[in-house]
N, C-alpha and C. Protein backbone atom coordinates (compact mmCIF):
# COMPACT_ATOMS: atom_id res chain seq x y z
N MET A 1 -137.01 118.08 -76.79
CA MET A 1 -135.63 118.40 -77.11
C MET A 1 -134.75 117.32 -76.49
N ASN A 2 -134.53 116.30 -77.27
CA ASN A 2 -133.73 115.19 -76.77
C ASN A 2 -132.45 115.08 -77.60
N ASN A 3 -131.60 116.10 -77.54
CA ASN A 3 -130.36 116.10 -78.31
C ASN A 3 -129.17 115.64 -77.47
N PHE A 4 -129.42 115.24 -76.26
CA PHE A 4 -128.35 114.84 -75.34
C PHE A 4 -127.53 113.66 -75.89
N PRO A 5 -128.15 112.56 -76.35
CA PRO A 5 -127.34 111.46 -76.90
C PRO A 5 -126.56 111.87 -78.15
N TYR A 6 -127.15 112.70 -79.00
CA TYR A 6 -126.46 113.16 -80.20
C TYR A 6 -125.21 113.96 -79.85
N VAL A 7 -125.36 114.87 -78.91
CA VAL A 7 -124.22 115.71 -78.51
C VAL A 7 -123.13 114.86 -77.88
N LEU A 8 -123.51 113.91 -77.06
CA LEU A 8 -122.50 113.03 -76.45
C LEU A 8 -121.75 112.23 -77.51
N ALA A 9 -122.47 111.75 -78.53
CA ALA A 9 -121.82 110.98 -79.59
C ALA A 9 -120.86 111.85 -80.40
N VAL A 10 -121.27 113.07 -80.72
CA VAL A 10 -120.40 113.97 -81.47
C VAL A 10 -119.15 114.32 -80.67
N GLU A 11 -119.33 114.59 -79.39
CA GLU A 11 -118.18 114.91 -78.54
C GLU A 11 -117.21 113.74 -78.46
N LYS A 12 -117.76 112.54 -78.36
CA LYS A 12 -116.90 111.36 -78.26
C LYS A 12 -116.14 111.13 -79.57
N LEU A 13 -116.82 111.27 -80.70
CA LEU A 13 -116.18 111.07 -81.99
C LEU A 13 -115.14 112.15 -82.28
N ALA A 14 -115.42 113.38 -81.86
CA ALA A 14 -114.49 114.48 -82.13
C ALA A 14 -113.39 114.57 -81.08
N GLY A 15 -113.51 113.83 -80.00
CA GLY A 15 -112.51 113.87 -78.94
C GLY A 15 -112.55 115.15 -78.12
N ILE A 16 -113.73 115.72 -77.99
CA ILE A 16 -113.90 116.98 -77.24
C ILE A 16 -114.13 116.66 -75.77
N THR A 17 -113.42 117.36 -74.91
CA THR A 17 -113.66 117.24 -73.47
C THR A 17 -114.45 118.46 -73.01
N VAL A 18 -115.51 118.19 -72.31
CA VAL A 18 -116.42 119.24 -71.86
C VAL A 18 -116.13 119.55 -70.40
N PRO A 19 -116.05 120.83 -70.04
CA PRO A 19 -115.82 121.19 -68.63
C PRO A 19 -116.97 120.70 -67.74
N GLY A 20 -116.65 120.53 -66.48
CA GLY A 20 -117.63 120.03 -65.52
C GLY A 20 -118.84 120.94 -65.37
N LYS A 21 -118.61 122.25 -65.42
CA LYS A 21 -119.72 123.19 -65.29
C LYS A 21 -120.70 123.06 -66.46
N ALA A 22 -120.18 122.86 -67.67
CA ALA A 22 -121.04 122.68 -68.84
C ALA A 22 -121.82 121.38 -68.74
N GLN A 23 -121.19 120.34 -68.22
CA GLN A 23 -121.89 119.07 -68.04
C GLN A 23 -123.02 119.21 -67.03
N MET A 24 -122.78 119.97 -65.97
CA MET A 24 -123.81 120.17 -64.95
C MET A 24 -124.99 120.96 -65.53
N ILE A 25 -124.69 121.99 -66.31
CA ILE A 25 -125.76 122.78 -66.94
C ILE A 25 -126.56 121.91 -67.89
N ARG A 26 -125.88 121.06 -68.64
CA ARG A 26 -126.55 120.17 -69.58
C ARG A 26 -127.50 119.23 -68.85
N ILE A 27 -127.07 118.68 -67.75
CA ILE A 27 -127.92 117.77 -66.98
C ILE A 27 -129.11 118.51 -66.37
N MET A 28 -128.87 119.74 -65.88
CA MET A 28 -129.97 120.53 -65.33
C MET A 28 -131.02 120.84 -66.39
N MET A 29 -130.58 121.17 -67.61
CA MET A 29 -131.53 121.44 -68.68
C MET A 29 -132.32 120.19 -69.06
N ALA A 30 -131.64 119.05 -69.08
CA ALA A 30 -132.34 117.80 -69.37
C ALA A 30 -133.41 117.51 -68.31
N GLU A 31 -133.10 117.79 -67.06
CA GLU A 31 -134.08 117.57 -65.99
C GLU A 31 -135.24 118.55 -66.09
N PHE A 32 -134.97 119.81 -66.47
CA PHE A 32 -136.06 120.77 -66.67
C PHE A 32 -137.01 120.28 -67.75
N PHE A 33 -136.46 119.79 -68.85
CA PHE A 33 -137.31 119.28 -69.93
C PHE A 33 -138.10 118.05 -69.48
N ARG A 34 -137.48 117.20 -68.68
CA ARG A 34 -138.18 116.02 -68.18
C ARG A 34 -139.35 116.42 -67.28
N ILE A 35 -139.11 117.36 -66.39
CA ILE A 35 -140.17 117.84 -65.49
C ILE A 35 -141.30 118.48 -66.29
N ALA A 36 -140.93 119.32 -67.26
CA ALA A 36 -141.94 120.00 -68.07
C ALA A 36 -142.78 119.01 -68.87
N SER A 37 -142.13 118.00 -69.44
CA SER A 37 -142.90 117.03 -70.22
C SER A 37 -143.83 116.21 -69.33
N HIS A 38 -143.39 115.92 -68.11
CA HIS A 38 -144.27 115.21 -67.18
C HIS A 38 -145.45 116.09 -66.77
N LEU A 39 -145.21 117.38 -66.56
CA LEU A 39 -146.31 118.28 -66.21
C LEU A 39 -147.33 118.38 -67.34
N VAL A 40 -146.85 118.49 -68.56
CA VAL A 40 -147.77 118.56 -69.70
C VAL A 40 -148.53 117.25 -69.84
N TRP A 41 -147.85 116.13 -69.66
CA TRP A 41 -148.54 114.84 -69.73
C TRP A 41 -149.62 114.75 -68.66
N TYR A 42 -149.29 115.12 -67.42
CA TYR A 42 -150.28 115.03 -66.36
C TYR A 42 -151.43 115.99 -66.60
N GLY A 43 -151.13 117.16 -67.15
CA GLY A 43 -152.19 118.12 -67.46
C GLY A 43 -153.15 117.60 -68.50
N THR A 44 -152.64 116.98 -69.56
CA THR A 44 -153.53 116.43 -70.58
C THR A 44 -154.29 115.23 -70.05
N PHE A 45 -153.65 114.43 -69.21
CA PHE A 45 -154.35 113.29 -68.60
C PHE A 45 -155.47 113.78 -67.69
N ALA A 46 -155.19 114.79 -66.87
CA ALA A 46 -156.21 115.32 -65.97
C ALA A 46 -157.36 115.95 -66.76
N GLN A 47 -157.03 116.53 -67.90
CA GLN A 47 -158.08 117.10 -68.74
C GLN A 47 -158.96 116.00 -69.32
N ASP A 48 -158.35 114.88 -69.66
CA ASP A 48 -159.12 113.76 -70.20
C ASP A 48 -160.07 113.15 -69.17
N VAL A 49 -159.68 113.15 -67.89
CA VAL A 49 -160.55 112.59 -66.87
C VAL A 49 -161.34 113.68 -66.14
N GLU A 50 -161.39 114.86 -66.78
CA GLU A 50 -162.21 115.99 -66.34
C GLU A 50 -161.83 116.53 -64.97
N ARG A 51 -160.56 116.70 -64.75
CA ARG A 51 -160.06 117.40 -63.56
C ARG A 51 -159.49 118.74 -64.02
N CYS A 52 -160.37 119.67 -64.33
CA CYS A 52 -159.98 120.91 -65.00
C CYS A 52 -158.99 121.77 -64.22
N PRO A 53 -159.17 122.02 -62.91
CA PRO A 53 -158.18 122.89 -62.23
C PRO A 53 -156.77 122.32 -62.29
N ARG A 54 -156.63 121.03 -62.08
CA ARG A 54 -155.30 120.43 -62.13
C ARG A 54 -154.72 120.48 -63.54
N SER A 55 -155.57 120.25 -64.51
CA SER A 55 -155.06 120.25 -65.88
C SER A 55 -154.56 121.63 -66.28
N SER A 56 -155.29 122.67 -65.91
CA SER A 56 -154.86 124.01 -66.31
C SER A 56 -153.58 124.41 -65.58
N ILE A 57 -153.46 124.05 -64.31
CA ILE A 57 -152.25 124.38 -63.56
C ILE A 57 -151.05 123.65 -64.14
N CYS A 58 -151.20 122.37 -64.42
CA CYS A 58 -150.08 121.59 -64.95
C CYS A 58 -149.70 122.04 -66.35
N LEU A 59 -150.68 122.30 -67.19
CA LEU A 59 -150.36 122.72 -68.56
C LEU A 59 -149.68 124.08 -68.58
N VAL A 60 -150.18 125.02 -67.78
CA VAL A 60 -149.57 126.35 -67.74
C VAL A 60 -148.17 126.28 -67.18
N THR A 61 -147.98 125.51 -66.12
CA THR A 61 -146.64 125.39 -65.52
C THR A 61 -145.68 124.70 -66.47
N GLY A 62 -146.12 123.65 -67.13
CA GLY A 62 -145.27 122.97 -68.11
C GLY A 62 -144.88 123.88 -69.26
N LYS A 63 -145.83 124.67 -69.75
CA LYS A 63 -145.52 125.60 -70.83
C LYS A 63 -144.58 126.70 -70.37
N ARG A 64 -144.70 127.14 -69.14
CA ARG A 64 -143.77 128.15 -68.61
C ARG A 64 -142.35 127.61 -68.55
N VAL A 65 -142.21 126.36 -68.12
CA VAL A 65 -140.88 125.75 -68.07
C VAL A 65 -140.31 125.64 -69.47
N PHE A 66 -141.13 125.22 -70.44
CA PHE A 66 -140.65 125.13 -71.82
C PHE A 66 -140.25 126.52 -72.33
N ASP A 67 -141.01 127.55 -71.99
CA ASP A 67 -140.66 128.90 -72.43
C ASP A 67 -139.35 129.38 -71.83
N ILE A 68 -139.05 128.95 -70.61
CA ILE A 68 -137.81 129.36 -69.95
C ILE A 68 -136.61 128.67 -70.58
N VAL A 69 -136.71 127.38 -70.82
CA VAL A 69 -135.54 126.63 -71.25
C VAL A 69 -135.34 126.57 -72.75
N ARG A 70 -136.35 126.89 -73.53
CA ARG A 70 -136.17 126.91 -74.99
C ARG A 70 -135.59 128.25 -75.41
N PRO A 71 -134.65 128.22 -76.34
CA PRO A 71 -134.05 129.48 -76.80
C PRO A 71 -134.98 130.30 -77.66
């Protein structure tokens, strides 16, 4: 979910000013997605090099984060 640049462009073109609290929430959500994607990447990498406990922990945690932040 990388809609951050699109939303910024639309806001700039429309001349919309976003409150500080909304900007903070937007950045927090972007960081959650970044962390989750890194966890899923590390989980699949660990699975490829046969580190099963780490891969299952990372994949499950990454999927939990995605479930929390996705509508």
